[in-house]
Structures are given as structure tokens and as C-alpha cells.
Amino acid sequence: MIYIFLADGFEETEAIAPIDMLRRAGKDVVMVGIKNDAVRSSHGVPVLCDMTDMQVELDERLELIILPGGMPGTLNIEENTVVQQTIDYCVEHKIPIGAICAAPSILGKKGLLDGKEAICFPGFEKFLTGANLSKKKVVTDGIFTTAAGAGVAIEFGLELVRVLCGEEKSDSVRKAIQCAN
């Protein structure tokens, strides 16, 4: 099971693209609404989530969590106690964490990217405490996969597929979404 946390003000492309890629790979992705099961994106798109943060269960079924960016979505996710507890649980149990755009700042502020290669949306680098800033648009180092922003949301999703399912499955999903020549 994969949790993707959605709060009011999230960037819709950074959430929906990885959900799509992971579901195409056969993964169970659960959209978790912060405070409510209905949230509104940074561009006013309403999204009905599968559950609220109060329903999150941390156990052996958890494979990955995803933190999309967007403003003020990133700040709303960061201030949520359940999200913070889930991040800590993932770190303790070596469960992968994906963060895109401004959301890697959440990990950086916790000191989790110290010595790790990471990337974020330009302007948020100052929050990636101790990280080695990557020139790549999407990068995985240890349990952390970070990405620069909405423009690489599909690549971010495909990288998360690779992390969980391997290169072959990621390539398969990539081929399935490409237009024929």
C-alpha cells in the first residue's frame, strides 16, 4: 500500500502523475486527505480522497509514501502530525519516501537529507539541510526519491515504479504511455 498525502493547495500534476504511473504498475495507491477527504488543489481542482489522515495505519503493508508539492499544500502537509509520524515510521523501517517540488523541504528540515543527493523546486534548496544538490531532475538516494517539480512528475512516478517494482516494470509502464510513431 502506498499513501500519497494531499492537503489544500497541493500541486495536482505532482500528485496525479505518480498515482497514475504506480497504479499502471499494479500498485495500491491510497489518496490521504489532510483534515478532510475532500481537498482542493493549488489551482482550485477539487479531489475526493480515499481516506483522511485520521485513518492512516502504519504497518507492514506500507510500501511507500509520496509528498507532492504546491503551495500552500506543502506547508499544510508539513504541519500535519500524522504526516510527520508517517515520515518517521518510514525512516525507522526503511520504507521509501518520494517528495517533489517544494515537498523535499519537509525532509530537509527534519535533517533526513543530510549527505544525500536530492533536488527540489528552485528556491527551496536552502531547506535541504546537508543535502548534496543534484543536477538531475529526479534522483533516488537511499530511501529518498526527490524531484524538481511538475514538469518531471511523470518521470518522478516512473522512478517510484522503478524503486518498488524494478527497471523492467518501469520501462513497461513508460512504453505503455508513449505515443506510437
N, C-alpha and C. Protein backbone atom coordinates (compact mmCIF):
# COMPACT_ATOMS: atom_id res chain seq x y z
N MET A 1 0.84 -1.18 0.00
CA MET A 1 0.00 0.00 0.00
C MET A 1 0.89 1.25 0.00
N ILE A 2 0.45 2.23 -0.76
CA ILE A 2 1.17 3.49 -0.88
C ILE A 2 0.24 4.61 -0.43
N TYR A 3 0.73 5.47 0.44
CA TYR A 3 -0.02 6.66 0.83
C TYR A 3 0.53 7.86 0.09
N ILE A 4 -0.36 8.65 -0.52
CA ILE A 4 0.01 9.95 -1.04
C ILE A 4 -0.83 10.96 -0.27
N PHE A 5 -0.15 11.89 0.38
CA PHE A 5 -0.81 12.87 1.23
C PHE A 5 -1.19 14.11 0.41
N LEU A 6 -2.48 14.46 0.47
CA LEU A 6 -2.99 15.61 -0.26
C LEU A 6 -3.63 16.60 0.72
N ALA A 7 -3.15 17.82 0.67
CA ALA A 7 -3.70 18.88 1.52
C ALA A 7 -4.15 20.01 0.61
N ASP A 8 -5.03 20.85 1.11
CA ASP A 8 -5.45 22.01 0.33
C ASP A 8 -4.21 22.76 -0.16
N GLY A 9 -4.21 23.05 -1.46
CA GLY A 9 -3.08 23.77 -2.06
C GLY A 9 -2.03 22.87 -2.66
N PHE A 10 -2.29 21.54 -2.80
CA PHE A 10 -1.30 20.66 -3.42
C PHE A 10 -1.26 20.91 -4.93
N GLU A 11 -0.15 20.58 -5.55
CA GLU A 11 0.02 20.71 -7.00
C GLU A 11 -0.53 19.44 -7.64
N GLU A 12 -1.59 19.57 -8.41
CA GLU A 12 -2.31 18.40 -8.92
C GLU A 12 -1.48 17.51 -9.83
N THR A 13 -0.66 18.06 -10.71
CA THR A 13 0.16 17.24 -11.60
C THR A 13 1.15 16.40 -10.80
N GLU A 14 1.71 16.98 -9.76
CA GLU A 14 2.70 16.27 -8.94
C GLU A 14 2.09 15.14 -8.12
N ALA A 15 0.79 15.16 -7.98
CA ALA A 15 0.08 14.09 -7.27
C ALA A 15 -0.48 13.07 -8.25
N ILE A 16 -1.20 13.53 -9.25
CA ILE A 16 -1.92 12.63 -10.14
C ILE A 16 -0.96 11.82 -11.02
N ALA A 17 0.09 12.42 -11.55
CA ALA A 17 1.02 11.67 -12.42
C ALA A 17 1.64 10.47 -11.69
N PRO A 18 2.19 10.63 -10.48
CA PRO A 18 2.73 9.44 -9.81
C PRO A 18 1.65 8.42 -9.43
N ILE A 19 0.46 8.90 -9.07
CA ILE A 19 -0.64 7.96 -8.79
C ILE A 19 -0.89 7.11 -10.03
N ASP A 20 -1.00 7.76 -11.18
CA ASP A 20 -1.26 7.08 -12.43
C ASP A 20 -0.16 6.06 -12.75
N MET A 21 1.10 6.48 -12.68
CA MET A 21 2.21 5.57 -13.02
C MET A 21 2.21 4.35 -12.10
N LEU A 22 2.03 4.58 -10.81
CA LEU A 22 2.06 3.48 -9.84
C LEU A 22 0.86 2.55 -9.99
N ARG A 23 -0.30 3.09 -10.27
CA ARG A 23 -1.47 2.24 -10.49
C ARG A 23 -1.33 1.44 -11.78
N ARG A 24 -0.75 2.03 -12.81
CA ARG A 24 -0.47 1.28 -14.04
C ARG A 24 0.47 0.11 -13.77
N ALA A 25 1.32 0.27 -12.77
CA ALA A 25 2.26 -0.80 -12.38
C ALA A 25 1.60 -1.81 -11.45
N GLY A 26 0.31 -1.61 -11.14
CA GLY A 26 -0.42 -2.55 -10.31
C GLY A 26 -0.33 -2.29 -8.82
N LYS A 27 0.13 -1.12 -8.44
CA LYS A 27 0.28 -0.80 -7.02
C LYS A 27 -1.01 -0.19 -6.46
N ASP A 28 -1.22 -0.44 -5.18
CA ASP A 28 -2.38 0.10 -4.45
C ASP A 28 -2.00 1.46 -3.87
N VAL A 29 -2.48 2.52 -4.52
CA VAL A 29 -2.18 3.88 -4.08
C VAL A 29 -3.42 4.45 -3.40
N VAL A 30 -3.23 4.90 -2.16
CA VAL A 30 -4.33 5.45 -1.36
C VAL A 30 -4.11 6.95 -1.21
N MET A 31 -5.10 7.72 -1.66
CA MET A 31 -5.03 9.18 -1.52
C MET A 31 -5.54 9.55 -0.13
N VAL A 32 -4.68 10.20 0.65
CA VAL A 32 -4.99 10.56 2.03
C VAL A 32 -5.20 12.07 2.11
N GLY A 33 -6.41 12.47 2.44
CA GLY A 33 -6.72 13.88 2.59
C GLY A 33 -6.34 14.38 3.98
N ILE A 34 -5.64 15.49 4.02
CA ILE A 34 -5.26 16.09 5.28
C ILE A 34 -6.46 16.86 5.83
N LYS A 35 -6.96 16.44 6.96
CA LYS A 35 -8.09 17.01 7.70
C LYS A 35 -9.46 16.67 7.11
N ASN A 36 -9.55 16.45 5.81
CA ASN A 36 -10.82 16.15 5.16
C ASN A 36 -10.59 15.14 4.05
N ASP A 37 -11.66 14.46 3.63
CA ASP A 37 -11.50 13.56 2.49
C ASP A 37 -11.66 14.30 1.17
N ALA A 38 -12.07 15.55 1.21
CA ALA A 38 -12.16 16.39 0.02
C ALA A 38 -11.18 17.55 0.18
N VAL A 39 -10.25 17.66 -0.78
CA VAL A 39 -9.27 18.74 -0.74
C VAL A 39 -9.30 19.47 -2.08
N ARG A 40 -8.72 20.65 -2.09
CA ARG A 40 -8.71 21.47 -3.30
C ARG A 40 -7.25 21.78 -3.65
N SER A 41 -6.91 21.55 -4.91
CA SER A 41 -5.54 21.76 -5.37
C SER A 41 -5.18 23.25 -5.40
N SER A 42 -3.92 23.51 -5.70
CA SER A 42 -3.45 24.90 -5.78
C SER A 42 -4.12 25.67 -6.91
N HIS A 43 -4.72 24.97 -7.86
CA HIS A 43 -5.43 25.61 -8.97
C HIS A 43 -6.94 25.41 -8.86
N GLY A 44 -7.41 25.08 -7.66
CA GLY A 44 -8.84 25.01 -7.40
C GLY A 44 -9.54 23.74 -7.84
N VAL A 45 -8.79 22.70 -8.19
CA VAL A 45 -9.40 21.44 -8.62
C VAL A 45 -9.77 20.63 -7.37
N PRO A 46 -11.07 20.31 -7.23
CA PRO A 46 -11.48 19.51 -6.06
C PRO A 46 -11.14 18.03 -6.28
N VAL A 47 -10.64 17.40 -5.23
CA VAL A 47 -10.28 15.98 -5.29
C VAL A 47 -10.87 15.28 -4.07
N LEU A 48 -11.56 14.19 -4.34
CA LEU A 48 -12.11 13.37 -3.26
C LEU A 48 -11.10 12.26 -2.96
N CYS A 49 -10.59 12.25 -1.74
CA CYS A 49 -9.58 11.27 -1.34
C CYS A 49 -10.21 9.97 -0.85
N ASP A 50 -9.40 8.94 -0.75
CA ASP A 50 -9.85 7.62 -0.30
C ASP A 50 -10.08 7.58 1.20
N MET A 51 -9.34 8.40 1.93
CA MET A 51 -9.44 8.43 3.39
C MET A 51 -8.88 9.74 3.91
N THR A 52 -9.02 9.95 5.21
CA THR A 52 -8.41 11.13 5.85
C THR A 52 -7.17 10.70 6.61
N ASP A 53 -6.40 11.69 7.03
CA ASP A 53 -5.19 11.43 7.79
C ASP A 53 -5.48 10.67 9.09
N MET A 54 -6.67 10.84 9.64
CA MET A 54 -7.01 10.16 10.90
C MET A 54 -7.22 8.66 10.71
N GLN A 55 -7.28 8.19 9.46
CA GLN A 55 -7.48 6.78 9.17
C GLN A 55 -6.19 6.05 8.78
N VAL A 56 -5.08 6.77 8.75
CA VAL A 56 -3.79 6.19 8.36
C VAL A 56 -3.38 5.13 9.37
N GLU A 57 -2.96 3.98 8.84
CA GLU A 57 -2.42 2.90 9.67
C GLU A 57 -0.98 2.63 9.25
N LEU A 58 -0.11 2.57 10.22
CA LEU A 58 1.30 2.31 9.94
C LEU A 58 1.61 0.87 10.30
N ASP A 59 1.80 0.05 9.26
CA ASP A 59 2.11 -1.36 9.49
C ASP A 59 2.90 -1.92 8.31
N GLU A 60 3.08 -3.22 8.28
CA GLU A 60 3.93 -3.88 7.29
C GLU A 60 3.38 -3.78 5.86
N ARG A 61 2.16 -3.34 5.68
CA ARG A 61 1.60 -3.19 4.33
C ARG A 61 2.13 -1.95 3.62
N LEU A 62 2.65 -0.99 4.37
CA LEU A 62 3.11 0.27 3.79
C LEU A 62 4.39 0.05 2.99
N GLU A 63 4.35 0.45 1.69
CA GLU A 63 5.49 0.27 0.79
C GLU A 63 6.20 1.58 0.46
N LEU A 64 5.45 2.69 0.51
CA LEU A 64 5.96 3.96 0.04
C LEU A 64 5.01 5.06 0.48
N ILE A 65 5.55 6.26 0.73
CA ILE A 65 4.70 7.44 0.88
C ILE A 65 5.17 8.49 -0.12
N ILE A 66 4.22 9.33 -0.54
CA ILE A 66 4.52 10.39 -1.50
C ILE A 66 4.05 11.72 -0.94
N LEU A 67 4.92 12.71 -1.05
CA LEU A 67 4.62 14.08 -0.63
C LEU A 67 4.67 14.98 -1.85
N PRO A 68 3.50 15.36 -2.41
CA PRO A 68 3.52 16.28 -3.54
C PRO A 68 3.78 17.71 -3.07
N GLY A 69 4.22 18.54 -3.99
CA GLY A 69 4.48 19.93 -3.66
C GLY A 69 3.26 20.80 -3.88
N GLY A 70 3.53 22.05 -4.19
CA GLY A 70 2.47 23.04 -4.34
C GLY A 70 2.38 23.89 -3.09
N MET A 71 1.86 25.08 -3.28
CA MET A 71 1.69 25.99 -2.16
C MET A 71 0.26 26.47 -2.09
N PRO A 72 -0.31 26.46 -0.91
CA PRO A 72 0.31 26.17 0.38
C PRO A 72 0.26 24.69 0.78
N GLY A 73 0.03 23.80 -0.21
CA GLY A 73 -0.07 22.38 0.09
C GLY A 73 1.10 21.80 0.86
N THR A 74 2.32 22.16 0.45
CA THR A 74 3.50 21.65 1.14
C THR A 74 3.49 22.05 2.61
N LEU A 75 3.17 23.30 2.87
CA LEU A 75 3.13 23.77 4.27
C LEU A 75 2.04 23.06 5.06
N ASN A 76 0.89 22.83 4.42
CA ASN A 76 -0.22 22.14 5.08
C ASN A 76 0.13 20.68 5.38
N ILE A 77 0.87 20.04 4.47
CA ILE A 77 1.32 18.67 4.71
C ILE A 77 2.35 18.66 5.84
N GLU A 78 3.30 19.59 5.76
CA GLU A 78 4.39 19.63 6.74
C GLU A 78 3.90 19.81 8.17
N GLU A 79 2.87 20.61 8.38
CA GLU A 79 2.42 20.89 9.74
C GLU A 79 1.52 19.79 10.32
N ASN A 80 1.24 18.76 9.52
CA ASN A 80 0.34 17.70 9.96
C ASN A 80 1.09 16.65 10.78
N THR A 81 0.61 16.38 11.97
CA THR A 81 1.25 15.42 12.88
C THR A 81 1.29 14.01 12.30
N VAL A 82 0.21 13.59 11.65
CA VAL A 82 0.17 12.24 11.08
C VAL A 82 1.23 12.09 9.99
N VAL A 83 1.38 13.10 9.15
CA VAL A 83 2.41 13.05 8.12
C VAL A 83 3.78 12.94 8.77
N GLN A 84 4.04 13.75 9.77
CA GLN A 84 5.34 13.71 10.45
C GLN A 84 5.60 12.33 11.07
N GLN A 85 4.59 11.76 11.70
CA GLN A 85 4.73 10.42 12.29
C GLN A 85 4.96 9.37 11.21
N THR A 86 4.30 9.53 10.07
CA THR A 86 4.46 8.58 8.98
C THR A 86 5.86 8.67 8.38
N ILE A 87 6.37 9.87 8.21
CA ILE A 87 7.76 10.03 7.74
C ILE A 87 8.71 9.34 8.70
N ASP A 88 8.55 9.58 9.99
CA ASP A 88 9.42 8.95 10.99
C ASP A 88 9.33 7.43 10.93
N TYR A 89 8.12 6.90 10.76
CA TYR A 89 7.91 5.46 10.66
C TYR A 89 8.66 4.91 9.43
N CYS A 90 8.54 5.60 8.31
CA CYS A 90 9.21 5.16 7.09
C CYS A 90 10.73 5.15 7.26
N VAL A 91 11.27 6.19 7.86
CA VAL A 91 12.71 6.25 8.08
C VAL A 91 13.14 5.09 8.98
N GLU A 92 12.42 4.87 10.07
CA GLU A 92 12.76 3.80 11.01
C GLU A 92 12.71 2.42 10.36
N HIS A 93 11.76 2.21 9.44
CA HIS A 93 11.57 0.90 8.81
C HIS A 93 12.13 0.83 7.39
N LYS A 94 12.86 1.87 6.99
CA LYS A 94 13.50 1.92 5.67
C LYS A 94 12.50 1.75 4.53
N ILE A 95 11.38 2.44 4.64
CA ILE A 95 10.33 2.44 3.63
C ILE A 95 10.55 3.66 2.74
N PRO A 96 10.53 3.50 1.42
CA PRO A 96 10.80 4.63 0.52
C PRO A 96 9.83 5.80 0.71
N ILE A 97 10.40 7.00 0.49
CA ILE A 97 9.66 8.25 0.56
C ILE A 97 9.93 9.02 -0.72
N GLY A 98 8.87 9.45 -1.41
CA GLY A 98 9.01 10.29 -2.58
C GLY A 98 8.52 11.69 -2.25
N ALA A 99 9.26 12.70 -2.69
CA ALA A 99 8.88 14.09 -2.47
C ALA A 99 9.26 14.90 -3.70
N ILE A 100 8.35 15.75 -4.14
CA ILE A 100 8.55 16.50 -5.37
C ILE A 100 8.28 17.99 -5.15
N CYS A 101 9.01 18.81 -5.91
CA CYS A 101 8.82 20.26 -5.93
C CYS A 101 9.27 20.90 -4.61
N ALA A 102 8.36 21.49 -3.87
CA ALA A 102 8.69 22.09 -2.57
C ALA A 102 8.74 21.06 -1.45
N ALA A 103 8.11 19.90 -1.65
CA ALA A 103 7.99 18.91 -0.58
C ALA A 103 9.30 18.32 -0.08
N PRO A 104 10.38 18.23 -0.89
CA PRO A 104 11.64 17.77 -0.30
C PRO A 104 12.10 18.65 0.87
N SER A 105 11.61 19.89 0.92
CA SER A 105 11.96 20.78 2.04
C SER A 105 11.49 20.20 3.37
N ILE A 106 10.39 19.45 3.35
CA ILE A 106 9.89 18.82 4.57
C ILE A 106 10.93 17.85 5.11
N LEU A 107 11.51 17.07 4.22
CA LEU A 107 12.54 16.10 4.61
C LEU A 107 13.82 16.81 5.02
N GLY A 108 14.17 17.86 4.28
CA GLY A 108 15.38 18.61 4.59
C GLY A 108 15.33 19.27 5.95
N LYS A 109 14.19 19.84 6.30
CA LYS A 109 14.04 20.50 7.60
C LYS A 109 14.16 19.51 8.75
N LYS A 110 13.85 18.24 8.49
CA LYS A 110 13.98 17.20 9.51
C LYS A 110 15.41 16.65 9.57
N GLY A 111 16.29 17.13 8.67
CA GLY A 111 17.66 16.65 8.64
C GLY A 111 17.83 15.29 7.98
N LEU A 112 16.81 14.83 7.26
CA LEU A 112 16.84 13.49 6.68
C LEU A 112 17.64 13.40 5.39
N LEU A 113 17.93 14.54 4.77
CA LEU A 113 18.66 14.53 3.51
C LEU A 113 20.14 14.83 3.69
N ASP A 114 20.59 14.89 4.92
CA ASP A 114 21.99 15.16 5.22
C ASP A 114 22.88 14.12 4.54
N GLY A 115 23.76 14.59 3.65
CA GLY A 115 24.66 13.70 2.93
C GLY A 115 24.02 12.96 1.76
N LYS A 116 22.75 13.22 1.48
CA LYS A 116 22.04 12.56 0.39
C LYS A 116 22.00 13.47 -0.84
N GLU A 117 22.00 12.85 -2.02
CA GLU A 117 21.78 13.60 -3.24
C GLU A 117 20.28 13.87 -3.33
N ALA A 118 19.91 15.12 -3.56
CA ALA A 118 18.49 15.49 -3.59
C ALA A 118 18.29 16.70 -4.50
N ILE A 119 17.04 16.88 -4.92
CA ILE A 119 16.67 18.00 -5.77
C ILE A 119 15.30 18.51 -5.31
N CYS A 120 15.00 19.76 -5.62
CA CYS A 120 13.71 20.35 -5.28
C CYS A 120 13.41 21.46 -6.27
N PHE A 121 12.28 22.10 -6.10
CA PHE A 121 11.93 23.25 -6.94
C PHE A 121 12.89 24.40 -6.62
N PRO A 122 13.37 25.11 -7.66
CA PRO A 122 14.29 26.22 -7.41
C PRO A 122 13.75 27.21 -6.38
N GLY A 123 14.60 27.56 -5.44
CA GLY A 123 14.23 28.48 -4.37
C GLY A 123 14.03 27.78 -3.03
N PHE A 124 13.89 26.46 -3.07
CA PHE A 124 13.70 25.70 -1.84
C PHE A 124 14.98 24.98 -1.40
N GLU A 125 16.06 25.16 -2.14
CA GLU A 125 17.32 24.49 -1.82
C GLU A 125 17.81 24.80 -0.41
N LYS A 126 17.54 26.00 0.07
CA LYS A 126 18.01 26.39 1.41
C LYS A 126 17.42 25.53 2.51
N PHE A 127 16.33 24.82 2.21
CA PHE A 127 15.70 23.95 3.21
C PHE A 127 16.21 22.51 3.15
N LEU A 128 17.03 22.19 2.16
CA LEU A 128 17.56 20.83 2.03
C LEU A 128 18.84 20.69 2.85
N THR A 129 18.70 20.87 4.12
CA THR A 129 19.82 20.91 5.06
C THR A 129 20.75 19.72 4.88
N GLY A 130 22.01 20.01 4.55
CA GLY A 130 23.04 18.98 4.44
C GLY A 130 22.99 18.15 3.18
N ALA A 131 22.04 18.40 2.30
CA ALA A 131 21.92 17.60 1.07
C ALA A 131 22.97 18.02 0.05
N ASN A 132 23.32 17.07 -0.80
CA ASN A 132 24.14 17.35 -1.97
C ASN A 132 23.16 17.62 -3.12
N LEU A 133 23.08 18.88 -3.54
CA LEU A 133 22.11 19.25 -4.56
C LEU A 133 22.44 18.60 -5.89
N SER A 134 21.47 17.91 -6.43
CA SER A 134 21.64 17.16 -7.67
C SER A 134 21.41 18.05 -8.88
N LYS A 135 22.05 17.69 -9.99
CA LYS A 135 21.80 18.33 -11.28
C LYS A 135 20.69 17.59 -12.01
N LYS A 136 20.32 16.40 -11.51
CA LYS A 136 19.26 15.60 -12.12
C LYS A 136 17.91 16.19 -11.75
N LYS A 137 16.91 15.93 -12.56
CA LYS A 137 15.55 16.41 -12.28
C LYS A 137 14.80 15.48 -11.34
N VAL A 138 15.20 14.20 -11.32
CA VAL A 138 14.64 13.19 -10.42
C VAL A 138 15.82 12.35 -9.94
N VAL A 139 15.91 12.14 -8.62
CA VAL A 139 17.04 11.39 -8.10
C VAL A 139 16.61 10.55 -6.90
N THR A 140 17.15 9.34 -6.83
CA THR A 140 16.93 8.47 -5.67
C THR A 140 18.26 8.27 -4.97
N ASP A 141 18.26 8.48 -3.67
CA ASP A 141 19.44 8.21 -2.84
C ASP A 141 18.93 7.55 -1.57
N GLY A 142 19.27 6.28 -1.39
CA GLY A 142 18.74 5.54 -0.25
C GLY A 142 17.24 5.38 -0.38
N ILE A 143 16.51 5.68 0.68
CA ILE A 143 15.05 5.54 0.65
C ILE A 143 14.36 6.79 0.09
N PHE A 144 15.12 7.82 -0.26
CA PHE A 144 14.53 9.09 -0.68
C PHE A 144 14.59 9.29 -2.18
N THR A 145 13.44 9.55 -2.78
CA THR A 145 13.36 9.95 -4.18
C THR A 145 12.81 11.37 -4.19
N THR A 146 13.58 12.28 -4.79
CA THR A 146 13.16 13.68 -4.85
C THR A 146 13.12 14.11 -6.32
N ALA A 147 12.28 15.12 -6.58
CA ALA A 147 12.13 15.60 -7.96
C ALA A 147 11.92 17.11 -7.95
N ALA A 148 12.26 17.73 -9.09
CA ALA A 148 12.29 19.18 -9.20
C ALA A 148 10.93 19.85 -9.25
N GLY A 149 9.92 19.23 -9.88
CA GLY A 149 8.64 19.90 -9.96
C GLY A 149 7.69 19.27 -10.95
N ALA A 150 6.61 19.97 -11.23
CA ALA A 150 5.51 19.45 -12.05
C ALA A 150 5.98 18.99 -13.43
N GLY A 151 6.97 19.65 -13.99
CA GLY A 151 7.46 19.29 -15.32
C GLY A 151 8.08 17.91 -15.41
N VAL A 152 8.43 17.33 -14.29
CA VAL A 152 9.02 15.99 -14.28
C VAL A 152 8.17 15.01 -13.47
N ALA A 153 6.89 15.32 -13.31
CA ALA A 153 6.01 14.49 -12.48
C ALA A 153 5.86 13.06 -13.01
N ILE A 154 5.81 12.89 -14.34
CA ILE A 154 5.72 11.54 -14.90
C ILE A 154 7.03 10.80 -14.65
N GLU A 155 8.16 11.46 -14.86
CA GLU A 155 9.46 10.82 -14.58
C GLU A 155 9.58 10.44 -13.10
N PHE A 156 9.09 11.30 -12.24
CA PHE A 156 9.06 11.02 -10.80
C PHE A 156 8.24 9.75 -10.54
N GLY A 157 7.06 9.67 -11.13
CA GLY A 157 6.22 8.49 -10.97
C GLY A 157 6.89 7.24 -11.49
N LEU A 158 7.53 7.33 -12.64
CA LEU A 158 8.23 6.18 -13.21
C LEU A 158 9.42 5.75 -12.35
N GLU A 159 10.09 6.72 -11.74
CA GLU A 159 11.19 6.39 -10.83
C GLU A 159 10.66 5.67 -9.59
N LEU A 160 9.51 6.09 -9.09
CA LEU A 160 8.92 5.40 -7.94
C LEU A 160 8.50 3.98 -8.32
N VAL A 161 8.02 3.79 -9.54
CA VAL A 161 7.73 2.44 -10.03
C VAL A 161 9.03 1.62 -10.05
N ARG A 162 10.12 2.21 -10.55
CA ARG A 162 11.40 1.50 -10.58
C ARG A 162 11.86 1.11 -9.18
N VAL A 163 11.72 2.03 -8.24
CA VAL A 163 12.14 1.77 -6.86
C VAL A 163 11.38 0.57 -6.28
N LEU A 164 10.08 0.50 -6.53
CA LEU A 164 9.24 -0.55 -5.94
C LEU A 164 9.19 -1.84 -6.76
N CYS A 165 9.23 -1.70 -8.08
CA CYS A 165 8.94 -2.86 -8.95
C CYS A 165 10.09 -3.25 -9.87
N GLY A 166 11.12 -2.42 -9.95
CA GLY A 166 12.25 -2.73 -10.81
C GLY A 166 12.22 -2.00 -12.15
N GLU A 167 13.37 -2.04 -12.81
CA GLU A 167 13.58 -1.35 -14.08
C GLU A 167 12.65 -1.85 -15.17
N GLU A 168 12.46 -3.16 -15.24
CA GLU A 168 11.63 -3.74 -16.30
C GLU A 168 10.19 -3.23 -16.23
N LYS A 169 9.62 -3.19 -15.04
CA LYS A 169 8.24 -2.72 -14.88
C LYS A 169 8.15 -1.23 -15.20
N SER A 170 9.13 -0.46 -14.77
CA SER A 170 9.15 0.97 -15.07
C SER A 170 9.21 1.19 -16.58
N ASP A 171 10.07 0.43 -17.26
CA ASP A 171 10.17 0.54 -18.72
C ASP A 171 8.86 0.15 -19.40
N SER A 172 8.20 -0.87 -18.87
CA SER A 172 6.92 -1.33 -19.41
C SER A 172 5.86 -0.24 -19.31
N VAL A 173 5.78 0.41 -18.15
CA VAL A 173 4.81 1.49 -17.96
C VAL A 173 5.17 2.66 -18.88
N ARG A 174 6.46 2.97 -18.98
CA ARG A 174 6.91 4.06 -19.87
C ARG A 174 6.45 3.79 -21.30
N LYS A 175 6.66 2.58 -21.78
CA LYS A 175 6.27 2.23 -23.14
C LYS A 175 4.76 2.31 -23.32
N ALA A 176 3.99 1.94 -22.29
CA ALA A 176 2.54 1.96 -22.38
C ALA A 176 1.97 3.37 -22.50
N ILE A 177 2.69 4.37 -22.01
CA ILE A 177 2.15 5.74 -22.06
C ILE A 177 2.70 6.55 -23.23
N GLN A 178 3.67 6.00 -23.94
CA GLN A 178 4.24 6.74 -25.08
C GLN A 178 3.36 6.58 -26.30
N CYS A 179 3.30 7.63 -27.08
CA CYS A 179 2.53 7.59 -28.33
C CYS A 179 3.32 6.80 -29.37
N ALA A 180 2.59 6.06 -30.18
CA ALA A 180 3.24 5.31 -31.26
C ALA A 180 3.72 6.28 -32.33
N ASN A 181 4.84 5.95 -32.97
CA ASN A 181 5.39 6.80 -34.03
C ASN A 181 4.74 6.47 -35.35
